C-alpha cells in the first residue's frame, strides 16, 4: 500500500508513475486526497469536541466541589450534548476512514523509474540470454508425451482424486521433484538464506499483508468455513513472519527461503499453453525472500537476479531475463524481472521465476519497520523471487534432454537423484 504522506507531497509524480502502468483510474489520486482532507477535517473537529468535553467535565468537578449543584447540572447538560455531537462525528469519521482505506487499496505500487512503458508481455524488455538452445531430433516429443512414456506423472488419476490440474507424481517423477526441491533449498541456504517450513493456509490479514487481498482474491482457494486461504506462494506466509515488528538495523538483511506446495485457482482454459505441466492448480516451488534497508534494496534485487540466473546455469537450461513493462507488472511490484527457459520440443519460452522489489508497498501493510540512526521508525523494503517453480523447469528438463537412451539430467542433479538419467 502506498504511503499517504508521499501521495500528499507528490500527487503529480504519483499520477505520472501510475500512467506507466496504464492505470485506468488516475483520477482516483485526486479522490484519495479529497477524502484524506475530509478525514483530517472531521478528526480535528472531533478532537476539538473531545477537548471541550474534557474541559467541561473538569469544571463540573470543580463546581460540585464548591457545592454549586445548579451550575454543575448546566455543565453536565452541555457535556451530554457534546457527547452526542462527538458520537455523530465518530460515526462520520469511521465511514470516511473506511472510504479512504478502500480507495487507497485500489492503487497499485508505483513503478521504478527503470520500468519500461508498455501495455502487455509483448512490450517487456529482454535484459540478457544465456545457455544454448538444444537441437532435437525428429523423434522428439513434448513433455506431456515423455511423462507418459517414462511413467512419471499420472494426470488422469490426479483428476480422479481432486480434479483437472492436480498432477499425481509417482516413481521417478516423484523422486525428480524431491531432488529438485532439495537441490534448490541447499543452493539457497548455502547463499545465506534461512530455511522456513510455513503453514500452507493463511488468514485474511496475512493475505492482505503481501497484497494478495483484495487484488487476487479470485485466484486463491478460500476455505470459507474458517476464513483461511490456501497459499498461492510461500511469499505470503514467510514475508509475514516479521509483520508488526521493528527489526534491529544490525539484523539486516533478513534472508529467508522456503519450499511449499502452491495452490492457484486460475489454471487457464484449453490448448497447448496449458497442456501437461505448463499450468496447473497445485505445484511445488522454492521461494527466496529478503527484507532489507531501503538504501540497499535495488542492489539486493540485482543480487537475487544473479542468484536465480546461476541456478539456471547449473541446471544447464537456456534462459532469458526480462524486465517487465508497466502494463505487465504485478499489482504490488515496483520492478520485476521474469526468467524464462526455452522449451525445445514446444519451441517456446516458459516462465519459471519472477524476482521483484516491492519497496515499502508490502511492509507498509505489514508494518515491518526499523529504527534508523536518529531513532526514527521507518519502513523496510521487501523483495522475493522464485528459486524455482518446478513444473516448467521439469517440462524443460524433460524436453531439452531427451535422447535415444533416455532423459539425461544436468550434473548438478546427479547426486540428488542418484543417477545421471531417467
Protein backbone atom coordinates (compact mmCIF):
# COMPACT_ATOMS: atom_id res chain seq x y z
CA UNK A 1 0.00 0.00 0.00
CA UNK A 2 1.32 3.43 -0.92
CA UNK A 3 2.27 5.78 1.91
CA UNK A 4 -0.26 8.58 2.35
CA UNK A 5 2.36 11.24 3.08
CA UNK A 6 4.08 10.51 -0.23
CA UNK A 7 0.81 10.91 -2.14
CA UNK A 8 0.12 14.20 -0.36
CA UNK A 9 3.58 15.57 -1.13
CA UNK A 10 3.95 14.27 -4.70
CA UNK A 11 0.49 13.86 -6.29
CA UNK A 12 1.66 14.63 -9.84
CA UNK A 13 4.59 12.23 -9.58
CA UNK A 14 2.21 9.51 -8.35
CA UNK A 15 -0.03 10.11 -11.37
CA UNK A 16 2.95 10.08 -13.72
CA UNK A 17 4.25 6.74 -12.40
CA UNK A 18 0.77 5.18 -12.42
CA UNK A 19 0.45 6.18 -16.08
CA UNK A 20 3.48 3.97 -16.81
CA UNK A 21 1.32 1.08 -15.59
CA UNK A 22 -1.53 2.18 -17.87
CA UNK A 23 -3.56 2.55 -14.69
CA UNK A 24 -7.06 3.49 -15.78
CA UNK A 25 -8.16 5.35 -12.64
CA UNK A 26 -5.64 8.20 -12.43
CA UNK A 27 -8.39 10.49 -11.07
CA UNK A 28 -8.50 8.21 -8.03
CA UNK A 29 -5.42 10.03 -6.75
CA UNK A 30 -7.39 13.29 -6.51
CA UNK A 31 -10.33 11.48 -4.89
CA UNK A 32 -7.98 10.00 -2.29
CA UNK A 33 -6.53 13.40 -1.49
CA UNK A 34 -10.03 14.88 -1.17
CA UNK A 35 -11.16 12.11 1.16
CA UNK A 36 -7.94 12.47 3.12
CA UNK A 37 -8.67 16.17 3.59
CA UNK A 38 -12.20 15.36 4.79
CA UNK A 39 -10.86 12.76 7.22
CA UNK A 40 -8.38 15.19 8.71
CA UNK A 41 -11.02 17.92 8.97
CA UNK A 42 -13.52 15.68 10.80
CA UNK A 43 -10.75 14.26 13.00
CA UNK A 44 -9.75 17.80 14.03
CA UNK A 45 -13.37 18.73 14.77
CA UNK A 46 -13.77 15.53 16.78
CA UNK A 47 -10.62 16.25 18.76
CA UNK A 48 -11.85 19.79 19.46
CA UNK A 49 -15.20 18.48 20.72
CA UNK A 50 -13.40 15.96 22.94
CA UNK A 51 -11.22 18.74 24.33
CA UNK A 52 -14.37 20.73 25.17
CA UNK A 53 -15.89 17.68 26.87
CA UNK A 54 -12.74 17.19 28.93
CA UNK A 55 -12.65 20.87 29.95
CA UNK A 56 -16.35 20.95 30.88
CA UNK A 57 -16.05 17.69 32.83
CA UNK A 58 -13.26 19.25 34.84
CA UNK A 59 -15.46 22.30 35.50
CA UNK A 60 -18.28 20.02 36.68
CA UNK A 61 -15.94 18.51 39.23
CA UNK A 62 -14.83 21.91 40.46
CA UNK A 63 -18.42 23.21 40.73
CA UNK A 64 -19.53 20.12 42.62
CA UNK A 65 -16.61 20.55 44.98
CA UNK A 66 -17.80 24.13 45.71
CA UNK A 67 -21.37 22.91 46.22
CA UNK A 68 -22.75 24.77 43.19
CA UNK A 69 -25.02 21.95 42.02
CA UNK A 70 -27.16 24.08 39.69
CA UNK A 71 -24.16 25.35 37.72
CA UNK A 72 -22.72 21.86 37.68
CA UNK A 73 -26.01 20.47 36.31
CA UNK A 74 -25.93 23.04 33.48
CA UNK A 75 -22.41 21.99 32.57
CA UNK A 76 -23.45 18.32 32.68
CA UNK A 77 -26.20 19.01 30.16
CA UNK A 78 -23.68 20.74 27.90
CA UNK A 79 -21.36 17.72 28.23
CA UNK A 80 -24.24 15.39 27.31
CA UNK A 81 -24.98 17.48 24.22
CA UNK A 82 -21.31 17.47 23.18
CA UNK A 83 -21.09 13.71 23.68
CA UNK A 84 -23.97 13.24 21.25
CA UNK A 85 -22.16 15.50 18.80
CA UNK A 86 -18.94 13.55 19.40
CA UNK A 87 -20.74 10.26 18.74
CA UNK A 88 -22.05 11.58 15.42
CA UNK A 89 -18.57 12.82 14.50
CA UNK A 90 -17.09 9.41 15.38
CA UNK A 91 -19.54 7.64 13.07
CA UNK A 92 -18.82 10.11 10.28
CA UNK A 93 -15.07 9.71 10.81
CA UNK A 94 -15.32 5.91 10.78
CA UNK A 95 -17.22 5.97 7.48
CA UNK A 96 -14.74 8.39 5.93
CA UNK A 97 -11.72 6.37 7.11
CA UNK A 98 -13.21 3.22 5.58
CA UNK A 99 -13.84 5.08 2.32
CA UNK A 100 -10.27 6.40 2.38
CA UNK A 101 -8.77 2.96 3.04
CA UNK A 102 -10.91 1.34 0.33
CA UNK A 103 -9.74 3.97 -2.16
CA UNK A 104 -6.10 3.59 -1.16
CA UNK A 105 -6.27 -0.18 -1.61
CA UNK A 106 -7.15 0.34 -5.28
CA UNK A 107 -3.81 1.99 -6.04
CA UNK A 108 -1.06 -0.37 -7.23
CA UNK A 109 2.59 0.17 -6.40
CA UNK A 110 4.47 2.87 -8.29
CA UNK A 111 6.80 1.53 -10.98
CA UNK A 112 10.50 2.20 -10.55
CA UNK A 113 11.97 4.76 -12.94
CA UNK A 114 13.65 1.96 -14.92
CA UNK A 115 10.36 0.21 -15.72
CA UNK A 116 9.66 0.50 -19.47
CA UNK A 117 6.35 1.74 -20.74
CA UNK A 118 4.13 -0.85 -22.35
CA UNK A 119 0.74 -2.50 -22.24
CA UNK A 120 1.40 -6.24 -22.34
CA UNK A 121 4.02 -9.00 -22.31
CA UNK A 122 4.97 -8.10 -25.88
CA UNK A 123 6.44 -4.84 -24.54
CA UNK A 124 8.75 -6.45 -21.97
CA UNK A 125 12.48 -5.86 -22.43
CA UNK A 126 14.93 -8.74 -22.84
CA UNK A 127 17.83 -7.94 -20.49
CA UNK A 128 20.04 -10.88 -21.46
CA UNK A 129 20.02 -14.51 -22.57
CA UNK A 130 22.15 -17.45 -21.57
CA UNK A 131 22.69 -21.10 -22.32
CA UNK A 132 22.42 -22.96 -25.62
CA UNK A 133 19.13 -23.98 -27.17
CA UNK A 134 19.31 -27.71 -27.94
CA UNK A 135 18.62 -29.06 -31.39
CA UNK A 136 16.33 -32.05 -31.03
CA UNK A 137 15.90 -34.92 -33.42
CA UNK A 138 12.82 -35.56 -35.48
CA UNK A 139 11.53 -38.07 -32.93
CA UNK A 140 11.46 -35.52 -30.09
CA UNK A 141 8.14 -35.05 -28.30
CA UNK A 142 6.75 -32.55 -25.77
CA UNK A 143 6.93 -33.26 -22.05
CA UNK A 144 3.34 -34.48 -21.75
CA UNK A 145 4.26 -37.37 -24.05
CA UNK A 146 7.54 -38.03 -22.21
CA UNK A 147 5.65 -38.12 -18.92
CA UNK A 148 3.53 -41.00 -20.24
CA UNK A 149 6.47 -42.75 -21.86
CA UNK A 150 8.52 -42.75 -18.65
CA UNK A 151 5.53 -43.12 -16.30
CA UNK A 152 6.44 -40.02 -14.28
CA UNK A 153 3.12 -38.25 -13.67
CA UNK A 154 -0.45 -39.50 -13.77
CA UNK A 155 -2.78 -36.63 -14.69
CA UNK A 156 -5.80 -38.88 -15.09
CA UNK A 157 -5.63 -40.30 -11.58
CA UNK A 158 -4.86 -36.83 -10.20
CA UNK A 159 -8.05 -35.60 -11.85
CA UNK A 160 -9.98 -38.51 -10.34
CA UNK A 161 -8.67 -37.70 -6.86
CA UNK A 162 -9.01 -33.90 -6.97
CA UNK A 163 -9.81 -32.54 -10.42
CA UNK A 164 -8.12 -31.28 -13.57
CA UNK A 165 -4.83 -29.50 -12.92
CA UNK A 166 -3.78 -31.62 -9.92
CA UNK A 167 -0.93 -33.90 -11.09
CA UNK A 168 -0.07 -37.15 -9.30
CA UNK A 169 3.71 -37.66 -9.33
CA UNK A 170 4.97 -41.20 -8.94
CA UNK A 171 8.16 -43.28 -9.14
CA UNK A 172 11.00 -41.40 -10.81
CA UNK A 173 8.70 -38.42 -11.34
CA UNK A 174 8.21 -38.04 -7.57
CA UNK A 175 11.92 -38.59 -6.99
CA UNK A 176 12.83 -35.90 -9.53
CA UNK A 177 10.53 -33.46 -7.72
CA UNK A 178 12.14 -34.26 -4.38
CA UNK A 179 15.63 -34.00 -5.87
CA UNK A 180 14.96 -30.56 -7.37
CA UNK A 181 13.39 -29.25 -4.16
CA UNK A 182 16.35 -30.38 -2.05
CA UNK A 183 18.85 -29.01 -4.55
CA UNK A 184 17.12 -25.62 -4.64
CA UNK A 185 16.96 -25.42 -0.83
CA UNK A 186 20.61 -26.39 -0.44
CA UNK A 187 21.63 -23.84 -3.06
CA UNK A 188 19.70 -21.12 -1.24
CA UNK A 189 20.87 -21.95 2.28
CA UNK A 190 24.48 -22.06 1.11
CA UNK A 191 23.93 -18.48 -0.09
CA UNK A 192 22.94 -17.40 3.42
CA UNK A 193 19.15 -17.87 3.33
CA UNK A 194 17.48 -19.36 6.43
CA UNK A 195 15.05 -22.16 5.61
CA UNK A 196 11.45 -21.99 6.82
CA UNK A 197 8.62 -24.51 6.57
CA UNK A 198 5.48 -22.36 6.89
CA UNK A 199 1.76 -23.17 7.17
CA UNK A 200 0.05 -23.82 3.84
CA UNK A 201 -3.02 -21.85 4.91
CA UNK A 202 -3.15 -18.22 5.95
CA UNK A 203 -5.73 -15.90 7.42
CA UNK A 204 -7.15 -12.80 5.78
CA UNK A 205 -4.71 -10.40 7.47
CA UNK A 206 -1.73 -12.36 6.21
CA UNK A 207 -3.02 -12.46 2.63
CA UNK A 208 -3.74 -8.74 2.87
CA UNK A 209 -0.20 -8.06 4.08
CA UNK A 210 1.55 -9.24 0.93
CA UNK A 211 -1.11 -7.82 -1.40
CA UNK A 212 -2.98 -10.96 -2.43
CA UNK A 213 -6.08 -9.35 -0.93
CA UNK A 214 -8.06 -7.65 -2.22
CA UNK A 215 -6.25 -7.73 -5.60
CA UNK A 216 -6.06 -11.51 -6.21
CA UNK A 217 -8.97 -12.80 -4.15
CA UNK A 218 -10.43 -14.78 -7.04
CA UNK A 219 -7.13 -16.54 -7.73
CA UNK A 220 -6.87 -18.18 -4.30
CA UNK A 221 -8.70 -21.15 -2.84
CA UNK A 222 -10.82 -19.84 0.03
CA UNK A 223 -11.87 -22.08 2.91
CA UNK A 224 -14.96 -20.11 3.79
CA UNK A 225 -15.94 -22.04 6.93
CA UNK A 226 -12.75 -20.97 8.71
CA UNK A 227 -11.74 -17.89 6.73
CA UNK A 228 -8.44 -19.43 5.59
CA UNK A 229 -6.80 -19.19 2.17
CA UNK A 230 -4.56 -21.85 0.62
CA UNK A 231 -1.27 -20.14 -0.19
CA UNK A 232 -0.52 -19.25 -3.82
CA UNK A 233 3.20 -18.95 -2.94
CA UNK A 234 5.47 -19.21 0.11
CA UNK A 235 5.95 -15.45 -0.19
CA UNK A 236 2.65 -14.94 1.65
CA UNK A 237 3.31 -16.73 4.96
CA UNK A 238 7.08 -16.24 5.03
CA UNK A 239 7.13 -12.46 4.48
CA UNK A 240 4.52 -12.17 7.24
CA UNK A 241 6.89 -13.82 9.73
CA UNK A 242 8.04 -10.30 10.61
CA UNK A 243 4.71 -8.45 10.40
CA UNK A 244 4.14 -5.81 13.09
CA UNK A 245 7.77 -5.97 14.19
CA UNK A 246 10.56 -3.43 14.49
CA UNK A 247 13.75 -5.08 13.24
CA UNK A 248 17.14 -4.13 14.58
CA UNK A 249 19.15 -2.48 11.82
CA UNK A 250 22.11 -4.70 12.74
CA UNK A 251 19.99 -7.78 11.88
CA UNK A 252 19.53 -6.69 8.26
CA UNK A 253 19.28 -8.09 5.68
CA UNK A 254 16.80 -10.83 6.57
CA UNK A 255 17.19 -13.67 4.05
CA UNK A 256 14.55 -16.40 4.03
CA UNK A 257 13.82 -19.40 1.82
CA UNK A 258 11.00 -21.95 1.87
CA UNK A 259 9.65 -24.88 -0.07
CA UNK A 260 5.87 -25.19 -0.23
CA UNK A 261 3.19 -26.62 -2.44
CA UNK A 262 1.34 -23.71 -4.07
CA UNK A 263 -2.34 -23.53 -4.96
CA UNK A 264 -3.88 -21.37 -7.68
CA UNK A 265 -7.44 -21.41 -8.97
CA UNK A 266 -6.64 -19.76 -12.32
CA UNK A 267 -5.03 -22.65 -14.13
CA UNK A 268 -6.18 -21.50 -17.57
CA UNK A 269 -8.52 -22.98 -20.12
CA UNK A 270 -7.56 -25.09 -23.11
CA UNK A 271 -4.85 -25.53 -25.73
CA UNK A 272 -1.11 -26.26 -25.81
CA UNK A 273 -0.35 -23.36 -23.48
CA UNK A 274 -1.94 -25.22 -20.58
CA UNK A 275 -1.13 -28.83 -21.51
CA UNK A 276 0.83 -31.04 -19.16
CA UNK A 277 2.84 -29.04 -16.63
CA UNK A 278 2.52 -25.72 -18.39
CA UNK A 279 -0.19 -24.59 -15.99
CA UNK A 280 -1.64 -26.48 -13.03
CA UNK A 281 -3.68 -25.76 -9.91
CA UNK A 282 -1.16 -27.28 -7.48
CA UNK A 283 2.61 -27.15 -7.91
CA UNK A 284 5.83 -27.12 -5.91
CA UNK A 285 8.01 -24.05 -5.59
CA UNK A 286 11.02 -22.87 -3.61
CA UNK A 287 10.96 -19.17 -2.77
CA UNK A 288 13.59 -16.66 -1.68
CA UNK A 289 12.66 -13.52 0.29
CA UNK A 290 14.70 -10.63 1.60
CA UNK A 291 13.72 -7.80 3.94
CA UNK A 292 16.32 -5.07 3.67
CA UNK A 293 17.32 -1.49 4.40
CA UNK A 294 15.65 0.89 1.89
CA UNK A 295 19.01 2.20 0.72
CA UNK A 296 20.12 -1.28 -0.40
CA UNK A 297 17.04 -2.81 -2.00
CA UNK A 298 17.94 -2.34 -5.65
CA UNK A 299 21.43 -3.67 -5.10
CA UNK A 300 19.82 -6.66 -3.39
CA UNK A 301 17.41 -7.06 -6.31
CA UNK A 302 20.35 -7.47 -8.71
CA UNK A 303 21.95 -9.91 -6.26
CA UNK A 304 18.77 -12.02 -6.26
CA UNK A 305 18.53 -11.91 -10.06
CA UNK A 306 22.12 -13.15 -10.30
CA UNK A 307 21.33 -15.86 -7.74
CA UNK A 308 18.46 -17.24 -9.83
CA UNK A 309 20.47 -16.89 -13.04
CA UNK A 310 23.31 -19.04 -11.66
CA UNK A 311 20.78 -21.67 -10.62
CA UNK A 312 19.51 -21.94 -14.20
CA UNK A 313 23.09 -22.13 -15.43
CA UNK A 314 23.74 -25.08 -13.09
CA UNK A 315 20.62 -26.74 -14.49
CA UNK A 316 22.11 -26.25 -17.98
CA UNK A 317 18.91 -24.71 -19.31
CA UNK A 318 18.75 -21.99 -21.97
CA UNK A 319 17.15 -18.93 -20.40
CA UNK A 320 16.39 -15.28 -20.83
CA UNK A 321 15.75 -12.49 -18.34
CA UNK A 322 13.01 -9.93 -18.99
CA UNK A 323 12.38 -6.57 -17.37
CA UNK A 324 8.60 -6.32 -17.21
CA UNK A 325 6.91 -3.27 -18.67
CA UNK A 326 4.41 -1.22 -16.69
CA UNK A 327 1.39 -2.95 -18.18
CA UNK A 328 2.62 -6.47 -17.35
CA UNK A 329 3.75 -5.91 -13.77
CA UNK A 330 2.07 -7.32 -10.71
CA UNK A 331 -0.07 -5.05 -8.55
CA UNK A 332 2.42 -4.91 -5.66
CA UNK A 333 5.72 -4.70 -7.56
CA UNK A 334 7.92 -1.66 -8.17
CA UNK A 335 10.26 -3.58 -10.51
CA UNK A 336 10.09 -7.19 -11.70
CA UNK A 337 12.45 -9.41 -13.66
CA UNK A 338 10.96 -12.55 -15.18
CA UNK A 339 13.03 -15.62 -16.01
CA UNK A 340 12.02 -17.87 -18.89
CA UNK A 341 13.57 -21.15 -20.02
CA UNK A 342 13.41 -22.39 -23.58
CA UNK A 343 11.34 -25.48 -24.20
CA UNK A 344 12.86 -27.09 -27.27
CA UNK A 345 10.07 -29.56 -28.01
CA UNK A 346 7.38 -26.88 -27.71
CA UNK A 347 9.66 -24.26 -29.30
CA UNK A 348 8.57 -21.61 -26.82
CA UNK A 349 9.73 -19.75 -23.74
CA UNK A 350 8.25 -20.80 -20.39
CA UNK A 351 8.22 -18.52 -17.34
CA UNK A 352 9.88 -20.16 -14.32
CA UNK A 353 10.63 -17.28 -11.96
CA UNK A 354 9.77 -13.68 -11.11
CA UNK A 355 12.12 -11.62 -8.94
CA UNK A 356 10.58 -8.40 -7.62
CA UNK A 357 11.29 -5.41 -5.41
CA UNK A 358 8.15 -4.21 -3.63
CA UNK A 359 9.89 -1.32 -1.86
CA UNK A 360 7.55 -0.34 1.04
CA UNK A 361 4.29 -1.49 -0.56
CA UNK A 362 4.10 -4.74 1.43
CA UNK A 363 5.95 -3.61 4.54
CA UNK A 364 3.55 -0.67 4.91
CA UNK A 365 0.66 -3.13 5.09
CA UNK A 366 2.52 -5.50 7.41
CA UNK A 367 4.17 -2.74 9.48
CA UNK A 368 7.68 -4.21 9.14
CA UNK A 369 9.95 -1.41 10.32
CA UNK A 370 13.36 -0.48 11.70
CA UNK A 371 14.80 2.45 13.65
CA UNK A 372 17.42 4.49 11.85
CA UNK A 373 20.47 6.10 13.45
CA UNK A 374 18.36 9.08 14.57
CA UNK A 375 15.87 6.80 16.33
CA UNK A 376 13.15 7.44 13.75
CA UNK A 377 11.00 4.45 12.82
CA UNK A 378 10.96 3.73 9.08
CA UNK A 379 9.56 1.07 6.78
CA UNK A 380 11.86 -1.60 5.38
CA UNK A 381 11.83 -2.88 1.78
CA UNK A 382 10.72 -6.41 0.84
CA UNK A 383 11.80 -8.50 -2.16
CA UNK A 384 11.03 -12.01 -3.31
CA UNK A 385 11.71 -14.42 -6.12
CA UNK A 386 11.04 -17.98 -7.28
CA UNK A 387 14.08 -20.18 -6.85
CA UNK A 388 12.49 -22.02 -8.54
CA UNK A 389 8.96 -23.04 -9.59
CA UNK A 390 9.14 -26.70 -10.55
CA UNK A 391 6.50 -27.52 -13.20
CA UNK A 392 8.02 -25.70 -16.17
CA UNK A 393 11.56 -26.46 -15.01
CA UNK A 394 10.65 -30.15 -15.14
CA UNK A 395 8.99 -29.66 -18.54
CA UNK A 396 12.12 -28.04 -19.97
CA UNK A 397 14.47 -30.58 -18.39
CA UNK A 398 12.49 -33.46 -19.87
CA UNK A 399 12.11 -31.95 -23.33
CA UNK A 400 15.58 -30.48 -23.77
CA UNK A 401 17.45 -33.54 -22.50
CA UNK A 402 15.58 -36.33 -24.28
CA UNK A 403 17.91 -38.76 -26.06
CA UNK A 404 17.58 -42.16 -27.65
CA UNK A 405 18.89 -43.81 -24.47
CA UNK A 406 16.77 -41.84 -22.01
CA UNK A 407 16.42 -38.39 -20.49
CA UNK A 408 19.79 -37.10 -19.31
CA UNK A 409 19.90 -34.95 -16.19
CA UNK A 410 22.26 -31.99 -15.57
CA UNK A 411 25.35 -32.83 -13.48
CA UNK A 412 24.08 -30.69 -10.60
CA UNK A 413 21.24 -33.18 -10.03
CA UNK A 414 23.16 -36.45 -10.32
CA UNK A 415 23.96 -36.70 -6.61
CA UNK A 416 20.44 -35.72 -5.56
CA UNK A 417 18.65 -38.04 -7.98
CA UNK A 418 21.17 -40.85 -7.61
CA UNK A 419 21.54 -41.33 -11.36
CA UNK A 420 22.61 -39.44 -14.46
CA UNK A 421 19.41 -40.04 -16.40
CA UNK A 422 15.81 -41.17 -16.15
